[in-house]
Amino acid sequence: MTDVLLATDADWVVEEVAGALCAPDVSFRVVRSGHEVRPAVAASTPDLVILDFQIGNMGGMATCLDLRLESGVGRLPRLPVLMLTDREADAFLARRSDADAWLVKPLNPLLLRSTAQELLARSLADNAERPD
């Protein structure tokens, strides 16, 4: 079972992501603010984190940086992060926050699905290569 954590405060983003990634072996958890992401990851580690760039007062960039810092000191595992940006220019900020991939809204469901699958496959391969 693939567990996806989506952080957004927009219902239409939830609907589009769920529609694109819906499958019998995929479960979704949705949090409505960036502040909720770290506790959600700590409670149950997802396979993929999808962050909306514009969420509340702790946006996707700050949330991604928070996850990377926590991972860097060993408090959380390094997880694949897909950022959903509002415009092409935001790719610079997604890259600076160390997101693994980013897509510009409005979302293309086929591109969203293929990007998520690629990130999951890469994460599985990276984990298989790491010694325990």
C-alpha atoms as a PDB file:
ATOM      1  CA  MET A   1       0.000   0.000   0.000  1.00  0.00           C
ATOM      2  CA  THR A   2       1.359   3.405  -1.010  1.00  0.00           C
ATOM      3  CA  ASP A   3       0.704   6.166   1.518  1.00  0.00           C
ATOM      4  CA  VAL A   4       0.535   9.729   0.167  1.00  0.00           C
ATOM      5  CA  LEU A   5       0.487  12.759   2.455  1.00  0.00           C
ATOM      6  CA  LEU A   6      -0.991  15.842   0.781  1.00  0.00           C
ATOM      7  CA  ALA A   7      -0.678  19.269   2.386  1.00  0.00           C
ATOM      8  CA  THR A   8      -3.091  21.821   0.957  1.00  0.00           C
ATOM      9  CA  ASP A   9      -5.890  24.081   2.130  1.00  0.00           C
ATOM     10  CA  ALA A  10      -7.640  24.015  -1.272  1.00  0.00           C
ATOM     11  CA  ASP A  11     -10.357  21.422  -1.800  1.00  0.00           C
ATOM     12  CA  TRP A  12      -9.889  21.502  -5.579  1.00  0.00           C
ATOM     13  CA  VAL A  13      -6.237  20.447  -5.157  1.00  0.00           C
ATOM     14  CA  VAL A  14      -7.326  17.516  -2.967  1.00  0.00           C
ATOM     15  CA  GLU A  15      -9.838  16.473  -5.627  1.00  0.00           C
ATOM     16  CA  GLU A  16      -7.352  16.753  -8.504  1.00  0.00           C
ATOM     17  CA  VAL A  17      -4.554  14.891  -6.719  1.00  0.00           C
ATOM     18  CA  ALA A  18      -6.876  12.155  -5.469  1.00  0.00           C
ATOM     19  CA  GLY A  19      -8.382  11.801  -8.941  1.00  0.00           C
ATOM     20  CA  ALA A  20      -4.974  11.520 -10.606  1.00  0.00           C
ATOM     21  CA  LEU A  21      -3.440   9.105  -8.093  1.00  0.00           C
ATOM     22  CA  CYS A  22      -6.519   7.105  -7.141  1.00  0.00           C
ATOM     23  CA  ALA A  23      -5.807   3.372  -7.139  1.00  0.00           C
ATOM     24  CA  PRO A  24      -6.709   0.422  -4.914  1.00  0.00           C
ATOM     25  CA  ASP A  25      -3.194   0.346  -3.479  1.00  0.00           C
ATOM     26  CA  VAL A  26      -2.956   4.102  -2.700  1.00  0.00           C
ATOM     27  CA  SER A  27      -4.128   5.724   0.520  1.00  0.00           C
ATOM     28  CA  PHE A  28      -4.314   9.476   1.121  1.00  0.00           C
ATOM     29  CA  ARG A  29      -3.928  11.611   4.178  1.00  0.00           C
ATOM     30  CA  VAL A  30      -4.652  15.308   3.908  1.00  0.00           C
ATOM     31  CA  VAL A  31      -3.420  18.026   6.217  1.00  0.00           C
ATOM     32  CA  ARG A  32      -4.568  21.603   5.833  1.00  0.00           C
ATOM     33  CA  SER A  33      -1.464  23.519   6.936  1.00  0.00           C
ATOM     34  CA  GLY A  34       2.289  23.267   6.735  1.00  0.00           C
ATOM     35  CA  HIS A  35       2.503  23.057  10.524  1.00  0.00           C
ATOM     36  CA  GLU A  36       0.655  19.738  10.436  1.00  0.00           C
ATOM     37  CA  VAL A  37       3.085  18.026   8.044  1.00  0.00           C
ATOM     38  CA  ARG A  38       5.929  17.186  10.423  1.00  0.00           C
ATOM     39  CA  PRO A  39       3.654  15.660  13.103  1.00  0.00           C
ATOM     40  CA  ALA A  40       1.811  13.690  10.400  1.00  0.00           C
ATOM     41  CA  VAL A  41       5.102  12.332   9.043  1.00  0.00           C
ATOM     42  CA  ALA A  42       6.332  11.499  12.540  1.00  0.00           C
ATOM     43  CA  ALA A  43       3.083   9.671  13.367  1.00  0.00           C
ATOM     44  CA  SER A  44       3.150   7.517  10.229  1.00  0.00           C
ATOM     45  CA  THR A  45       5.835   7.815   7.565  1.00  0.00           C
ATOM     46  CA  PRO A  46       4.298   8.351   4.116  1.00  0.00           C
ATOM     47  CA  ASP A  47       5.832   7.079   0.888  1.00  0.00           C
ATOM     48  CA  LEU A  48       5.337  10.450  -0.828  1.00  0.00           C
ATOM     49  CA  VAL A  49       4.683  13.993   0.395  1.00  0.00           C
ATOM     50  CA  ILE A  50       2.877  16.417  -1.902  1.00  0.00           C
ATOM     51  CA  LEU A  51       3.038  20.055  -0.825  1.00  0.00           C
ATOM     52  CA  ASP A  52       0.930  22.889  -2.173  1.00  0.00           C
ATOM     53  CA  PHE A  53       3.215  25.902  -2.540  1.00  0.00           C
ATOM     54  CA  GLN A  54       0.575  28.271  -1.122  1.00  0.00           C
ATOM     55  CA  ILE A  55      -0.781  26.871   2.132  1.00  0.00           C
ATOM     56  CA  GLY A  56      -1.593  29.087   5.079  1.00  0.00           C
ATOM     57  CA  ASN A  57       1.199  30.868   6.894  1.00  0.00           C
ATOM     58  CA  MET A  58       3.741  28.027   6.536  1.00  0.00           C
ATOM     59  CA  GLY A  59       3.821  27.434   2.804  1.00  0.00           C
ATOM     60  CA  GLY A  60       5.214  24.564   0.821  1.00  0.00           C
ATOM     61  CA  MET A  61       8.740  25.971   0.669  1.00  0.00           C
ATOM     62  CA  ALA A  62       9.052  26.384   4.448  1.00  0.00           C
ATOM     63  CA  THR A  63       7.454  22.982   4.986  1.00  0.00           C
ATOM     64  CA  CYS A  64       9.857  21.272   2.592  1.00  0.00           C
ATOM     65  CA  LEU A  65      12.845  22.968   4.234  1.00  0.00           C
ATOM     66  CA  ASP A  66      11.534  21.842   7.633  1.00  0.00           C
ATOM     67  CA  LEU A  67      11.290  18.223   6.446  1.00  0.00           C
ATOM     68  CA  ARG A  68      14.807  18.367   4.976  1.00  0.00           C
ATOM     69  CA  LEU A  69      16.285  19.844   8.154  1.00  0.00           C
ATOM     70  CA  GLU A  70      14.591  17.201  10.310  1.00  0.00           C
ATOM     71  CA  SER A  71      15.843  14.509   7.955  1.00  0.00           C
ATOM     72  CA  GLY A  72      19.356  15.955   8.014  1.00  0.00           C
ATOM     73  CA  VAL A  73      19.620  15.531  11.769  1.00  0.00           C
ATOM     74  CA  GLY A  74      18.048  12.073  11.728  1.00  0.00           C
ATOM     75  CA  ARG A  75      14.714  12.883  13.354  1.00  0.00           C
ATOM     76  CA  LEU A  76      12.739  11.997  10.203  1.00  0.00           C
ATOM     77  CA  PRO A  77      13.551   9.841   7.185  1.00  0.00           C
ATOM     78  CA  ARG A  78      14.271  11.543   3.884  1.00  0.00           C
ATOM     79  CA  LEU A  79      11.051  11.385   1.899  1.00  0.00           C
ATOM     80  CA  PRO A  80      10.294  12.208  -1.719  1.00  0.00           C
ATOM     81  CA  VAL A  81       8.595  15.610  -1.930  1.00  0.00           C
ATOM     82  CA  LEU A  82       6.531  16.838  -4.870  1.00  0.00           C
ATOM     83  CA  MET A  83       5.771  20.568  -4.799  1.00  0.00           C
ATOM     84  CA  LEU A  84       2.712  22.017  -6.534  1.00  0.00           C
ATOM     85  CA  THR A  85       3.655  25.546  -7.583  1.00  0.00           C
ATOM     86  CA  ASP A  86       1.509  28.416  -8.812  1.00  0.00           C
ATOM     87  CA  ARG A  87       3.724  29.564 -11.690  1.00  0.00           C
ATOM     88  CA  GLU A  88       6.841  28.558 -13.584  1.00  0.00           C
ATOM     89  CA  ALA A  89       8.959  31.115 -11.703  1.00  0.00           C
ATOM     90  CA  ASP A  90       8.256  29.235  -8.449  1.00  0.00           C
ATOM     91  CA  ALA A  91      10.394  26.345  -9.728  1.00  0.00           C
ATOM     92  CA  PHE A  92      13.412  28.298  -8.482  1.00  0.00           C
ATOM     93  CA  LEU A  93      11.975  28.306  -4.951  1.00  0.00           C
ATOM     94  CA  ALA A  94      10.979  24.643  -5.153  1.00  0.00           C
ATOM     95  CA  ARG A  95      14.533  23.787  -6.178  1.00  0.00           C
ATOM     96  CA  ARG A  96      15.963  25.926  -3.357  1.00  0.00           C
ATOM     97  CA  SER A  97      13.767  24.148  -0.813  1.00  0.00           C
ATOM     98  CA  ASP A  98      15.179  20.796  -2.026  1.00  0.00           C
ATOM     99  CA  ALA A  99      11.900  19.445  -3.400  1.00  0.00           C
ATOM    100  CA  ASP A 100      12.481  16.352  -5.523  1.00  0.00           C
ATOM    101  CA  ALA A 101      10.076  17.508  -8.236  1.00  0.00           C
ATOM    102  CA  TRP A 102       7.522  20.226  -8.887  1.00  0.00           C
ATOM    103  CA  LEU A 103       4.539  20.765 -11.117  1.00  0.00           C
ATOM    104  CA  VAL A 104       2.776  24.006 -12.007  1.00  0.00           C
ATOM    105  CA  LYS A 105      -0.944  24.323 -11.303  1.00  0.00           C
ATOM    106  CA  PRO A 106      -3.418  23.793 -12.886  1.00  0.00           C
ATOM    107  CA  LEU A 107      -2.417  20.154 -12.709  1.00  0.00           C
ATOM    108  CA  ASN A 108      -2.139  17.784 -15.637  1.00  0.00           C
ATOM    109  CA  PRO A 109      -3.405  14.482 -14.164  1.00  0.00           C
ATOM    110  CA  LEU A 110      -1.226  12.278 -16.395  1.00  0.00           C
ATOM    111  CA  LEU A 111       1.897  14.283 -15.607  1.00  0.00           C
ATOM    112  CA  LEU A 112       1.041  14.263 -11.898  1.00  0.00           C
ATOM    113  CA  ARG A 113       0.605  10.470 -11.928  1.00  0.00           C
ATOM    114  CA  SER A 114       3.825   9.823 -13.863  1.00  0.00           C
ATOM    115  CA  THR A 115       5.839  12.231 -11.683  1.00  0.00           C
ATOM    116  CA  ALA A 116       4.532  10.621  -8.493  1.00  0.00           C
ATOM    117  CA  GLN A 117       5.294   7.143  -9.821  1.00  0.00           C
ATOM    118  CA  GLU A 118       8.812   8.210 -10.797  1.00  0.00           C
ATOM    119  CA  LEU A 119       9.480   9.675  -7.342  1.00  0.00           C
ATOM    120  CA  LEU A 120       8.169   6.539  -5.644  1.00  0.00           C
ATOM    121  CA  ALA A 121      10.278   4.268  -7.862  1.00  0.00           C
ATOM    122  CA  ARG A 122      13.378   6.375  -7.236  1.00  0.00           C
ATOM    123  CA  SER A 123      12.733   6.310  -3.479  1.00  0.00           C
ATOM    124  CA  LEU A 124      12.352   2.518  -3.491  1.00  0.00           C
ATOM    125  CA  ALA A 125      15.585   2.141  -5.459  1.00  0.00           C
ATOM    126  CA  ASP A 126      17.455   4.507  -3.111  1.00  0.00           C
ATOM    127  CA  ASN A 127      16.199   2.623  -0.038  1.00  0.00           C
ATOM    128  CA  ALA A 128      17.159  -0.726  -1.547  1.00  0.00           C
ATOM    129  CA  GLU A 129      20.739   0.509  -2.090  1.00  0.00           C
ATOM    130  CA  ARG A 130      21.184   1.774   1.477  1.00  0.00           C
ATOM    131  CA  PRO A 131      22.683  -0.699   3.942  1.00  0.00           C
ATOM    132  CA  ASP A 132      20.728  -1.093   7.186  1.00  0.00           C
END
